[in-house]
N, C-alpha and C. Protein backbone atom coordinates (compact mmCIF):
# COMPACT_ATOMS: atom_id res chain seq x y z
N MET A 1 57.32 99.13 95.52
CA MET A 1 57.65 99.18 93.98
C MET A 1 58.35 97.94 93.10
N THR A 2 58.49 98.05 92.16
CA THR A 2 59.16 97.12 91.64
C THR A 2 60.54 96.44 91.74
N LYS A 3 60.76 95.36 91.48
CA LYS A 3 62.69 95.33 91.45
C LYS A 3 63.15 96.10 90.56
N LYS A 4 63.06 96.36 89.97
CA LYS A 4 63.67 97.35 88.90
C LYS A 4 63.59 98.38 89.42
N GLN A 5 62.50 98.96 89.74
CA GLN A 5 62.44 100.71 90.37
C GLN A 5 63.02 100.14 91.94
N LEU A 6 63.37 99.67 92.55
CA LEU A 6 64.13 99.43 93.77
C LEU A 6 65.41 99.39 93.24
N LEU A 7 65.90 99.01 92.60
CA LEU A 7 67.19 99.05 91.90
C LEU A 7 67.62 100.41 91.27
N GLU A 8 66.79 100.76 90.40
CA GLU A 8 67.10 102.41 90.28
C GLU A 8 66.85 102.95 91.48
N ALA A 9 66.50 102.74 92.57
CA ALA A 9 66.51 103.73 93.69
C ALA A 9 67.58 103.64 94.58
N ILE A 10 68.48 102.33 94.60
CA ILE A 10 69.80 102.04 95.10
C ILE A 10 70.55 102.53 94.49
N GLU A 11 70.27 102.43 92.99
CA GLU A 11 71.48 103.20 92.19
C GLU A 11 71.86 104.86 92.65
N ILE A 12 70.35 105.46 92.42
CA ILE A 12 70.41 106.71 93.02
C ILE A 12 71.31 106.96 94.52
N GLU A 13 70.54 106.33 95.06
CA GLU A 13 71.52 106.43 96.97
C GLU A 13 72.76 106.09 96.87
N ALA A 14 73.20 105.18 96.22
CA ALA A 14 74.45 104.71 95.93
C ALA A 14 75.70 105.65 95.24
N LYS A 15 75.34 106.55 94.16
CA LYS A 15 75.88 107.31 93.38
C LYS A 15 76.21 108.46 94.54
N LYS A 16 75.79 109.00 95.34
CA LYS A 16 76.08 110.36 96.23
C LYS A 16 77.41 109.76 96.77
N TYR A 17 77.56 108.38 97.11
CA TYR A 17 78.85 107.93 97.76
C TYR A 17 80.22 108.10 97.11
N PHE A 18 79.83 108.19 95.51
CA PHE A 18 81.00 108.33 94.51
C PHE A 18 81.53 109.62 93.92
N VAL A 19 80.88 110.65 94.71
CA VAL A 19 81.26 111.96 94.05
C VAL A 19 82.82 112.50 94.30
N ASP A 20 83.53 113.14 93.12
CA ASP A 20 85.14 113.26 93.62
C ASP A 20 85.75 111.56 93.83
N ALA A 21 85.28 110.85 93.56
CA ALA A 21 85.64 109.44 94.01
C ALA A 21 87.24 108.99 93.43
N SER A 22 88.02 108.53 93.90
CA SER A 22 89.15 108.43 92.85
C SER A 22 88.80 107.48 91.91
N GLY A 23 89.90 107.17 90.97
CA GLY A 23 89.52 106.93 89.60
C GLY A 23 89.80 105.39 89.60
N CYS A 24 90.27 104.70 90.52
CA CYS A 24 90.51 103.36 90.79
C CYS A 24 89.08 102.61 91.43
N HIS A 25 88.14 103.37 92.39
CA HIS A 25 87.14 103.05 93.06
C HIS A 25 86.29 103.75 92.32
N ASP A 26 85.75 104.22 91.50
CA ASP A 26 84.50 105.35 91.14
C ASP A 26 83.72 104.76 90.31
N TRP A 27 82.49 105.41 90.19
CA TRP A 27 81.40 104.48 89.79
C TRP A 27 81.61 103.53 88.15
N THR A 28 82.92 103.47 87.73
CA THR A 28 82.69 102.74 86.76
C THR A 28 82.67 100.93 87.42
N HIS A 29 83.62 101.43 88.14
CA HIS A 29 84.05 100.09 88.97
C HIS A 29 83.02 99.17 89.54
N VAL A 30 81.74 100.08 90.46
CA VAL A 30 81.02 99.61 90.38
C VAL A 30 80.15 98.95 89.06
N GLU A 31 79.94 99.23 88.05
CA GLU A 31 79.44 99.19 87.06
C GLU A 31 80.22 97.72 86.51
N ARG A 32 81.28 97.67 86.41
CA ARG A 32 82.08 96.79 86.00
C ARG A 32 81.58 95.55 87.09
N VAL A 33 81.72 95.65 88.51
CA VAL A 33 81.66 94.79 89.22
C VAL A 33 80.01 94.13 88.94
N ARG A 34 79.45 95.22 88.65
CA ARG A 34 77.55 94.60 88.71
C ARG A 34 77.72 93.99 87.51
N ALA A 35 78.14 94.23 86.56
CA ALA A 35 77.91 93.39 85.18
C ALA A 35 78.58 92.05 85.31
N LEU A 36 80.15 91.84 86.05
CA LEU A 36 80.84 90.39 86.21
C LEU A 36 79.84 89.97 87.25
N ALA A 37 79.20 90.31 88.22
CA ALA A 37 78.39 89.67 88.99
C ALA A 37 76.91 89.15 88.38
N GLY A 38 76.65 89.67 87.75
CA GLY A 38 75.39 89.71 86.41
C GLY A 38 75.95 88.24 85.74
N ARG A 39 76.82 88.22 85.08
CA ARG A 39 77.41 87.35 84.42
C ARG A 39 77.55 85.95 85.68
N ILE A 40 78.61 86.22 86.62
CA ILE A 40 78.49 85.08 86.95
C ILE A 40 77.15 84.13 88.17
N GLY A 41 76.77 85.30 88.18
CA GLY A 41 75.40 85.04 89.04
C GLY A 41 74.43 83.95 87.76
N LYS A 42 74.46 84.34 86.53
CA LYS A 42 73.27 83.34 85.90
C LYS A 42 74.32 82.45 85.62
N ALA A 43 75.67 82.09 85.23
CA ALA A 43 76.05 80.88 85.51
C ALA A 43 76.02 79.82 86.44
N GLU A 44 75.73 80.69 87.63
CA GLU A 44 75.73 79.81 88.97
C GLU A 44 74.80 79.90 89.46
N ASP A 45 73.32 79.96 88.52
CA ASP A 45 71.97 79.81 88.95
C ASP A 45 71.84 81.12 90.45
N ALA A 46 72.47 82.07 90.62
CA ALA A 46 71.97 82.98 91.83
C ALA A 46 70.59 83.80 91.71
N ASP A 47 70.33 84.69 93.14
CA ASP A 47 69.57 85.48 93.40
C ASP A 47 70.14 86.49 92.48
N LEU A 48 69.58 87.46 91.53
CA LEU A 48 70.39 88.40 90.40
C LEU A 48 70.13 89.39 91.05
N HIS A 49 68.82 89.84 92.25
CA HIS A 49 68.32 90.78 92.51
C HIS A 49 69.20 91.44 93.57
N VAL A 50 69.44 89.98 94.41
CA VAL A 50 70.33 90.44 95.75
C VAL A 50 72.08 90.94 95.59
N LEU A 51 72.06 90.07 94.27
CA LEU A 51 73.62 90.25 93.52
C LEU A 51 73.71 91.92 93.23
N ALA A 52 72.42 92.38 92.41
CA ALA A 52 73.09 93.79 91.88
C ALA A 52 72.56 94.68 92.92
N ALA A 53 71.90 94.20 93.76
CA ALA A 53 71.62 95.28 94.84
C ALA A 53 73.13 95.30 95.80
N ALA A 54 73.74 94.37 95.59
CA ALA A 54 75.12 94.26 96.80
C ALA A 54 75.91 94.86 95.79
N ALA A 55 76.05 94.73 94.66
CA ALA A 55 77.35 95.37 93.63
C ALA A 55 77.41 96.85 93.78
N LEU A 56 76.01 97.26 93.78
CA LEU A 56 75.69 98.94 93.81
C LEU A 56 76.31 99.21 94.69
N LEU A 57 76.01 98.37 96.28
CA LEU A 57 76.25 99.28 97.39
C LEU A 57 77.49 99.01 98.29
N HIS A 58 78.56 97.93 97.09
CA HIS A 58 79.48 97.03 97.93
C HIS A 58 80.77 98.32 98.25
N ASP A 59 80.78 99.23 97.68
CA ASP A 59 81.73 100.24 97.95
C ASP A 59 81.29 101.65 98.43
N VAL A 60 79.96 101.54 98.83
CA VAL A 60 79.58 103.07 99.72
C VAL A 60 80.76 104.05 100.74
N SER A 61 81.43 102.83 100.97
CA SER A 61 82.07 103.86 102.05
C SER A 61 84.15 103.43 101.31
N ARG A 62 83.89 103.05 100.54
CA ARG A 62 85.39 102.97 99.97
C ARG A 62 86.23 104.34 100.20
N GLY A 63 85.64 105.03 99.41
CA GLY A 63 85.90 106.74 99.73
C GLY A 63 86.42 107.60 100.80
N GLU A 64 85.53 106.92 101.78
CA GLU A 64 86.02 107.12 103.39
C GLU A 64 87.34 106.44 103.83
N GLU A 65 87.50 105.47 103.25
CA GLU A 65 88.44 104.62 104.31
C GLU A 65 89.74 105.44 103.30
N MET A 66 89.81 105.65 101.93
CA MET A 66 90.95 106.03 101.41
C MET A 66 90.83 107.34 102.08
N ARG A 67 90.55 108.32 102.03
CA ARG A 67 90.55 109.50 102.52
C ARG A 67 91.30 109.69 103.87
N LYS A 68 90.60 108.46 104.85
CA LYS A 68 91.41 107.62 106.03
C LYS A 68 92.96 107.23 106.17
N GLY A 69 93.58 106.95 104.88
CA GLY A 69 94.54 106.51 104.68
C GLY A 69 94.44 104.68 105.16
N GLY A 70 92.94 104.24 105.03
CA GLY A 70 93.06 102.86 105.11
C GLY A 70 92.51 102.26 106.95
N GLY A 71 91.93 103.70 108.02
CA GLY A 71 91.84 103.28 109.06
C GLY A 71 90.71 102.44 109.63
N PHE A 72 89.85 101.84 108.60
CA PHE A 72 88.90 101.28 108.91
C PHE A 72 88.52 100.77 108.00
N CYS A 73 87.41 99.25 108.34
CA CYS A 73 87.07 98.42 106.95
C CYS A 73 86.14 99.13 106.43
N HIS A 74 86.46 99.37 105.04
CA HIS A 74 85.08 99.98 104.12
C HIS A 74 84.00 98.98 104.09
N ALA A 75 84.60 97.49 103.78
CA ALA A 75 83.09 96.59 104.03
C ALA A 75 82.06 96.52 104.88
N GLU A 76 83.01 96.56 106.31
CA GLU A 76 81.97 96.51 107.59
C GLU A 76 81.74 97.75 107.92
N HIS A 77 82.14 98.98 107.30
CA HIS A 77 81.62 99.86 107.50
C HIS A 77 80.08 100.03 106.31
N GLY A 78 80.68 100.07 105.14
CA GLY A 78 79.75 99.78 104.23
C GLY A 78 78.16 99.30 104.12
N ALA A 79 78.36 97.99 104.93
CA ALA A 79 77.35 97.14 105.23
C ALA A 79 76.57 97.85 105.96
N GLU A 80 76.89 98.36 107.17
CA GLU A 80 75.88 99.19 107.64
C GLU A 80 75.71 100.66 107.01
N GLU A 81 76.14 101.31 106.16
CA GLU A 81 75.77 102.29 105.23
C GLU A 81 74.42 101.62 104.44
N ALA A 82 74.94 100.79 103.72
CA ALA A 82 73.88 99.92 103.03
C ALA A 82 72.50 99.58 103.92
N ARG A 83 72.92 99.26 104.82
CA ARG A 83 71.36 98.62 105.56
C ARG A 83 70.64 99.85 105.84
N ASN A 84 71.58 100.88 106.32
CA ASN A 84 70.50 102.43 106.67
C ASN A 84 69.94 102.64 105.22
N ILE A 85 70.40 102.68 104.08
CA ILE A 85 69.62 102.61 102.70
C ILE A 85 68.42 101.97 102.21
N LEU A 86 68.76 100.88 102.84
CA LEU A 86 67.48 99.36 102.10
C LEU A 86 66.57 99.89 103.25
N VAL A 87 66.87 100.34 104.16
CA VAL A 87 66.03 100.32 105.66
C VAL A 87 64.87 101.78 105.04
N ARG A 88 65.48 102.89 104.53
CA ARG A 88 65.05 103.84 104.10
C ARG A 88 63.81 103.44 102.83
N LEU A 89 64.80 102.81 101.93
CA LEU A 89 63.73 102.62 101.04
C LEU A 89 62.60 101.19 100.97
N GLY A 90 62.67 101.11 102.09
CA GLY A 90 61.53 100.10 102.73
C GLY A 90 61.68 98.64 102.37
N CYS A 91 62.74 97.85 102.59
CA CYS A 91 63.08 96.82 101.85
C CYS A 91 62.85 95.75 102.78
N GLU A 92 62.90 94.83 102.41
CA GLU A 92 62.43 93.06 103.60
C GLU A 92 63.39 93.24 104.44
N PRO A 93 63.24 92.60 105.73
CA PRO A 93 64.48 92.31 106.29
C PRO A 93 65.47 91.34 105.82
N ASP A 94 64.92 90.53 105.21
CA ASP A 94 65.68 89.28 104.81
C ASP A 94 66.67 89.65 103.59
N PHE A 95 65.77 90.68 102.73
CA PHE A 95 66.53 91.26 101.48
C PHE A 95 67.62 91.70 102.32
N ILE A 96 67.63 92.69 103.09
CA ILE A 96 68.42 93.51 103.74
C ILE A 96 69.61 92.72 104.37
N ASP A 97 69.54 91.66 104.60
CA ASP A 97 70.81 90.77 105.72
C ASP A 97 71.27 89.96 104.60
N ARG A 98 70.71 89.65 103.45
CA ARG A 98 71.43 88.92 102.46
C ARG A 98 72.24 89.95 101.68
N VAL A 99 71.97 91.36 101.44
CA VAL A 99 72.56 91.90 100.63
C VAL A 99 73.85 92.86 101.38
N THR A 100 73.44 92.83 102.90
CA THR A 100 74.64 93.15 103.71
C THR A 100 75.65 92.27 104.06
N HIS A 101 75.10 90.94 104.10
CA HIS A 101 76.30 90.18 104.06
C HIS A 101 77.35 90.03 103.06
N CYS A 102 76.62 90.17 102.10
CA CYS A 102 77.49 90.17 100.63
C CYS A 102 78.60 91.26 100.64
N ILE A 103 77.95 92.54 100.94
CA ILE A 103 78.86 93.60 101.19
C ILE A 103 80.12 93.50 102.14
N ARG A 104 79.62 92.87 103.33
CA ARG A 104 80.54 92.82 104.52
C ARG A 104 81.94 92.09 104.37
N THR A 105 81.20 91.10 103.60
CA THR A 105 82.36 90.09 103.08
C THR A 105 83.02 89.99 101.31
N HIS A 106 82.79 91.22 101.05
CA HIS A 106 83.85 91.32 99.66
C HIS A 106 84.94 91.35 99.70
N ARG A 107 85.31 91.69 100.91
CA ARG A 107 87.14 92.32 101.21
C ARG A 107 87.63 91.31 101.37
N LYS A 108 88.74 90.87 100.19
CA LYS A 108 89.95 90.04 100.03
C LYS A 108 90.65 89.82 101.88
N ARG A 109 91.20 91.10 101.85
CA ARG A 109 91.89 91.09 103.29
C ARG A 109 91.10 91.14 104.79
N GLY A 110 89.89 91.26 104.44
CA GLY A 110 88.86 91.16 105.47
C GLY A 110 88.78 89.82 106.35
N LYS A 111 88.20 89.99 107.61
CA LYS A 111 88.06 88.93 108.42
C LYS A 111 86.82 88.12 108.19
N ASN A 112 85.94 89.18 107.37
CA ASN A 112 84.41 88.03 107.22
C ASN A 112 84.43 87.22 106.36
N ILE A 113 84.12 85.96 106.08
CA ILE A 113 83.67 84.95 105.26
C ILE A 113 82.55 85.06 104.54
N PRO A 114 82.63 84.87 102.97
CA PRO A 114 81.26 85.05 102.31
C PRO A 114 81.07 83.35 102.59
N GLU A 115 79.59 83.49 103.18
CA GLU A 115 78.71 82.22 103.27
C GLU A 115 77.64 81.77 102.34
N SER A 116 77.02 83.10 101.64
CA SER A 116 75.81 82.52 100.69
C SER A 116 76.66 82.73 99.22
N LEU A 117 76.24 81.97 98.33
CA LEU A 117 76.57 82.05 96.87
C LEU A 117 76.15 83.51 96.45
N GLU A 118 75.55 84.06 96.62
CA GLU A 118 75.88 85.49 96.27
C GLU A 118 77.06 86.33 96.97
N ALA A 119 77.44 86.15 98.17
CA ALA A 119 78.21 86.54 98.53
C ALA A 119 79.86 86.30 97.83
N LYS A 120 79.69 84.83 98.11
CA LYS A 120 80.94 84.48 96.94
C LYS A 120 81.28 85.28 95.42
N ILE A 121 80.11 85.22 94.46
CA ILE A 121 79.86 85.89 93.56
C ILE A 121 80.36 87.41 93.47
N LEU A 122 79.76 88.16 94.76
CA LEU A 122 80.46 89.43 94.98
C LEU A 122 81.78 89.69 95.04
N PHE A 123 81.77 88.94 95.75
CA PHE A 123 83.67 88.36 96.24
C PHE A 123 85.03 88.52 94.97
N ASP A 124 83.99 87.24 94.30
CA ASP A 124 85.01 87.03 93.00
C ASP A 124 84.98 88.19 91.93
N ALA A 125 83.56 88.85 91.76
CA ALA A 125 83.24 89.93 91.03
C ALA A 125 84.37 91.04 91.19
N ASP A 126 84.27 91.11 92.37
CA ASP A 126 84.93 92.58 92.95
C ASP A 126 86.90 92.16 92.42
N LYS A 127 86.96 91.06 92.91
CA LYS A 127 88.67 90.71 92.77
C LYS A 127 88.91 90.89 91.52
N LEU A 128 87.76 90.15 90.23
CA LEU A 128 88.27 90.21 88.98
C LEU A 128 88.28 91.80 88.35
N ASP A 129 88.12 92.20 89.05
CA ASP A 129 88.41 94.09 88.41
C ASP A 129 89.53 94.33 88.79
N SER A 130 90.17 93.54 90.22
CA SER A 130 91.77 93.78 90.10
C SER A 130 92.62 93.02 89.21
N LEU A 131 92.43 92.26 88.28
CA LEU A 131 92.92 91.23 87.55
C LEU A 131 92.84 91.86 85.93
N GLY A 132 93.70 91.45 84.97
CA GLY A 132 93.74 91.62 83.54
C GLY A 132 94.21 93.03 83.61
N ALA A 133 93.62 93.48 82.36
CA ALA A 133 93.73 94.87 81.68
C ALA A 133 93.45 96.09 82.42
N ILE A 134 92.25 95.98 83.25
CA ILE A 134 91.58 96.62 83.72
C ILE A 134 92.51 96.48 85.41
N GLY A 135 92.67 95.40 85.91
CA GLY A 135 93.87 95.32 87.05
C GLY A 135 94.99 96.34 86.93
N VAL A 136 95.34 96.06 85.89
CA VAL A 136 96.73 96.39 85.75
C VAL A 136 96.66 98.27 85.70
N GLY A 137 95.53 99.03 85.01
CA GLY A 137 95.22 100.12 84.77
C GLY A 137 94.78 100.54 86.37
N ARG A 138 94.20 100.04 86.90
CA ARG A 138 93.79 100.45 88.77
C ARG A 138 94.61 100.29 88.97
N ALA A 139 96.13 99.53 89.35
CA ALA A 139 96.80 99.37 90.13
C ALA A 139 97.67 100.13 90.09
N PHE A 140 97.78 100.96 89.02
CA PHE A 140 98.80 102.36 89.10
C PHE A 140 98.29 103.37 89.34
N LEU A 141 96.94 103.31 88.81
CA LEU A 141 96.17 104.76 89.32
C LEU A 141 96.12 104.51 91.13
N PHE A 142 95.26 103.14 91.34
CA PHE A 142 95.50 103.36 93.10
C PHE A 142 97.43 103.82 93.69
N ALA A 143 98.20 103.06 93.14
CA ALA A 143 99.38 103.34 93.78
C ALA A 143 99.52 104.99 93.81
N GLY A 144 99.17 105.55 92.66
CA GLY A 144 99.48 107.16 92.66
C GLY A 144 98.91 107.68 93.94
N MET A 145 97.38 107.11 94.13
CA MET A 145 96.43 108.22 94.88
C MET A 145 96.62 107.67 96.14
N ALA A 146 97.48 106.49 96.41
CA ALA A 146 97.52 106.02 98.16
C ALA A 146 98.95 106.47 98.20
N GLY A 147 99.89 106.99 97.28
CA GLY A 147 100.97 108.32 97.65
C GLY A 147 102.44 107.41 97.33
N SER A 148 102.37 106.36 96.14
CA SER A 148 103.67 105.85 95.99
C SER A 148 104.54 106.91 95.50
N LYS A 149 105.66 106.77 95.87
CA LYS A 149 106.99 107.91 95.57
C LYS A 149 107.44 107.00 94.25
N THR A 150 107.37 106.11 93.75
CA THR A 150 108.59 105.59 92.89
C THR A 150 107.82 104.35 92.05
N LEU A 151 107.76 104.43 90.89
CA LEU A 151 107.49 103.37 89.71
C LEU A 151 107.65 101.68 90.37
N TYR A 152 108.90 101.99 90.66
CA TYR A 152 109.41 100.68 91.14
C TYR A 152 110.42 101.00 92.39
N THR A 153 111.17 99.67 92.63
CA THR A 153 112.34 99.85 93.68
C THR A 153 113.24 98.75 93.06
N GLY A 154 112.57 97.84 92.56
CA GLY A 154 113.93 96.53 92.31
C GLY A 154 113.26 95.94 93.64
N ASN A 155 113.04 96.00 94.58
CA ASN A 155 113.10 95.04 95.97
C ASN A 155 111.39 94.45 96.03
N GLU A 156 110.97 94.55 94.81
CA GLU A 156 109.27 94.29 95.14
C GLU A 156 109.40 92.75 95.50
N LYS A 157 110.21 91.60 95.27
CA LYS A 157 110.30 90.55 95.29
C LYS A 157 111.03 89.94 96.69
N GLU A 158 111.76 90.71 97.33
CA GLU A 158 112.55 90.69 98.43
C GLU A 158 111.19 90.96 99.50
N LEU A 159 110.80 91.96 99.58
CA LEU A 159 110.00 92.45 100.48
C LEU A 159 108.60 91.74 100.44
N ALA A 160 108.03 91.08 99.22
CA ALA A 160 106.88 90.48 99.37
C ALA A 160 106.84 89.23 100.31
N LYS A 161 108.38 88.71 100.37
CA LYS A 161 108.43 87.42 101.23
C LYS A 161 108.22 88.01 102.80
N HIS A 162 108.05 89.01 103.31
CA HIS A 162 107.68 89.43 104.90
C HIS A 162 106.19 89.75 104.91
N ASP A 163 106.06 89.56 105.89
CA ASP A 163 104.18 89.51 106.47
C ASP A 163 104.17 90.55 107.23
N LYS A 164 104.18 91.66 106.43
CA LYS A 164 103.78 92.98 106.21
C LYS A 164 103.03 93.87 105.25
N ASP A 165 102.42 94.58 105.71
CA ASP A 165 101.41 95.29 105.29
C ASP A 165 102.01 96.60 104.69
N TYR A 166 102.33 96.75 103.21
CA TYR A 166 103.12 97.77 103.22
C TYR A 166 102.03 98.99 102.33
N SER A 167 100.85 98.99 103.08
CA SER A 167 99.79 99.70 101.70
C SER A 167 100.18 101.12 102.51
N TYR A 168 99.87 102.17 101.81
CA TYR A 168 99.72 103.38 102.04
C TYR A 168 101.28 103.75 102.76
N THR A 169 102.47 103.38 102.45
CA THR A 169 103.95 103.53 103.31
C THR A 169 104.57 104.06 101.86
N ASN A 170 105.66 104.77 102.01
CA ASN A 170 106.57 104.96 100.99
C ASN A 170 107.18 103.76 100.28
N GLU A 171 106.99 102.61 100.67
CA GLU A 171 107.74 101.46 99.99
C GLU A 171 106.70 100.50 99.53
N ASP A 172 105.20 101.41 99.21
CA ASP A 172 104.80 100.47 98.29
C ASP A 172 104.53 100.61 97.28
N SER A 173 104.13 99.73 95.69
CA SER A 173 104.32 99.92 94.89
C SER A 173 103.60 98.92 93.92
N VAL A 174 103.35 99.20 92.80
CA VAL A 174 102.41 99.02 91.84
C VAL A 174 102.77 97.15 91.82
N PHE A 175 104.29 96.72 91.55
CA PHE A 175 105.10 95.87 91.48
C PHE A 175 104.98 94.92 92.97
N LEU A 176 104.85 95.64 93.90
CA LEU A 176 104.72 95.02 95.33
C LEU A 176 103.30 94.42 95.25
N GLU A 177 102.18 95.27 95.02
CA GLU A 177 100.90 94.53 94.98
C GLU A 177 101.08 93.77 94.15
N TYR A 178 101.79 93.21 93.08
CA TYR A 178 101.55 92.07 92.66
C TYR A 178 102.13 91.17 92.87
N GLU A 179 103.36 91.17 93.48
CA GLU A 179 104.20 90.13 94.04
C GLU A 179 103.09 89.71 95.59
N LYS A 180 102.99 90.46 96.08
CA LYS A 180 101.92 90.14 97.37
C LYS A 180 100.33 89.59 97.40
N HIS A 181 99.84 90.16 96.59
CA HIS A 181 98.88 89.85 96.38
C HIS A 181 97.99 89.28 95.17
N LEU A 182 98.23 90.07 94.34
CA LEU A 182 97.60 90.03 92.60
C LEU A 182 97.70 89.11 91.64
N LYS A 183 99.08 88.23 92.10
CA LYS A 183 99.55 87.41 91.34
C LYS A 183 98.79 85.70 91.98
N HIS A 184 98.55 86.35 93.31
CA HIS A 184 97.89 84.83 94.13
C HIS A 184 96.16 84.75 93.97
N LEU A 185 95.93 85.47 93.46
CA LEU A 185 94.55 86.06 93.67
C LEU A 185 93.47 85.36 93.18
N LYS A 186 93.57 84.63 91.91
CA LYS A 186 93.37 83.68 91.15
C LYS A 186 92.73 82.50 92.14
N ASP A 187 93.98 82.22 92.63
CA ASP A 187 93.65 80.96 93.88
C ASP A 187 92.84 81.06 94.90
N ARG A 188 92.21 82.44 94.95
CA ARG A 188 91.33 82.73 96.29
C ARG A 188 89.94 82.93 95.70
N LEU A 189 89.54 82.74 94.39
CA LEU A 189 88.25 82.90 93.75
C LEU A 189 87.23 81.95 94.39
N LEU A 190 86.10 81.77 94.73
CA LEU A 190 85.18 80.96 95.30
C LEU A 190 84.23 80.24 94.09
N THR A 191 84.15 80.66 93.12
CA THR A 191 83.09 80.04 92.30
C THR A 191 83.62 79.51 91.08
N LYS A 192 82.79 78.73 90.50
CA LYS A 192 83.82 77.86 89.16
C LYS A 192 83.69 79.04 88.11
N THR A 193 82.73 79.82 87.96
CA THR A 193 82.90 80.73 87.02
C THR A 193 83.94 81.94 87.15
N GLY A 194 84.18 82.16 88.27
CA GLY A 194 84.88 83.23 88.77
C GLY A 194 86.28 82.57 88.66
N LYS A 195 86.82 81.73 88.80
CA LYS A 195 88.12 80.96 88.66
C LYS A 195 88.55 80.76 86.94
N THR A 196 87.11 80.55 86.45
CA THR A 196 87.72 80.49 84.70
C THR A 196 87.81 81.74 84.10
N ILE A 197 87.69 83.00 84.64
CA ILE A 197 87.51 84.06 84.38
C ILE A 197 88.87 84.25 84.63
N ALA A 198 88.97 84.56 85.65
CA ALA A 198 90.61 84.41 86.60
C ALA A 198 91.32 84.64 86.06
N ARG A 199 91.65 83.07 85.64
CA ARG A 199 92.56 82.26 84.97
C ARG A 199 93.37 83.42 83.84
N GLU A 200 92.41 83.58 82.99
CA GLU A 200 92.96 84.28 81.60
C GLU A 200 93.14 85.81 82.08
N ARG A 201 92.25 86.60 83.01
CA ARG A 201 92.78 87.80 83.03
C ARG A 201 94.15 87.82 83.88
N SER A 202 94.47 87.06 84.82
CA SER A 202 95.58 86.43 85.42
C SER A 202 96.99 85.99 84.79
N ASP A 203 96.47 85.51 83.67
CA ASP A 203 97.75 84.92 82.84
C ASP A 203 98.08 86.62 81.79
N PHE A 204 97.00 87.60 81.33
CA PHE A 204 97.42 88.35 80.92
C PHE A 204 98.36 89.49 81.83
N MET A 205 97.95 89.63 83.60
CA MET A 205 98.71 90.34 84.22
C MET A 205 100.01 89.96 84.29
N LYS A 206 100.24 88.67 84.09
CA LYS A 206 101.65 88.02 84.63
C LYS A 206 102.28 88.59 83.48
N ASP A 207 101.86 88.04 82.10
CA ASP A 207 102.56 88.86 81.03
C ASP A 207 103.09 90.07 80.65
N PHE A 208 102.02 90.89 81.39
CA PHE A 208 102.38 92.37 81.99
C PHE A 208 103.52 92.68 82.50
N PHE A 209 103.61 92.32 83.21
CA PHE A 209 104.73 92.48 84.53
C PHE A 209 105.78 91.85 83.99
N THR A 210 105.81 90.76 83.21
CA THR A 210 107.22 90.26 82.60
C THR A 210 107.72 90.95 81.47
N GLN A 211 106.95 91.60 80.76
CA GLN A 211 107.37 92.51 79.63
C GLN A 211 107.94 93.71 80.54
N PHE A 212 107.18 94.06 81.22
CA PHE A 212 107.73 95.19 81.96
C PHE A 212 109.04 95.04 82.77
N TRP A 213 109.74 94.02 83.43
CA TRP A 213 110.81 93.85 83.80
C TRP A 213 111.97 93.77 82.86
N LYS A 214 111.71 93.29 81.60
CA LYS A 214 112.40 93.05 80.57
C LYS A 214 112.77 94.26 79.98
N GLU A 215 111.76 94.88 79.99
CA GLU A 215 112.24 96.51 79.46
C GLU A 215 112.98 97.41 80.48
N VAL A 216 112.89 96.97 81.57
CA VAL A 216 113.88 97.61 82.60
C VAL A 216 115.12 97.13 82.61
N GLU A 217 115.50 95.69 82.35
CA GLU A 217 116.67 95.51 82.29
C GLU A 217 117.57 95.67 80.74
N GLY A 218 116.39 96.40 79.98
CA GLY A 218 117.01 96.44 78.22
C GLY A 218 116.90 95.36 77.64
N LYS A 219 116.23 94.30 77.78
CA LYS A 219 116.49 92.86 77.24
C LYS A 219 115.25 92.81 75.82
N CYS A 220 114.28 94.44 75.91
CA CYS A 220 113.28 94.08 74.99
C CYS A 220 112.64 95.63 74.76
């Protein structure tokens, strides 16, 4: 089959994993990551075919991870799910290895390091969707889905100093996620193009949270 036909087949298979997906990691997230990966990939002269396939498949195990409260790594599990899909579709071993490497290494808190250009681009594209206006919206949605009990506690900056994972706990909140991770995310991106996009999105997010705390304190 042609490259276009293969991507269409991959999309059909990938979508099966997103039935009743949470809003913060639903198919629209996949579409945004694919678009960002394509934009960065063109600027960085990457293999757009590998990138598109990896973007379509990168979160096939995210739903299961959330249902199990973060009990396993969706990137590692997803890479194996993707491998099975690509084998069934008759893809070449080298293509499968390149795509699954991207998927296995796209998680910001994972132990696997992106080595190929395409893996670095997928990493950046996925992280960029956690920043900016989209990132603010997704952060609130994820907090609600993960069981956060409060909009804020006021202790976020203090808790962020501790080397502890508060994910899926009652202490977690959007603002803790921002203080611990999101405000630093722009510094973790790996490509020149990704870093440029991240700076603008990160500035918007900083302005949003600054405004929020001013409103909490009745200053505006």
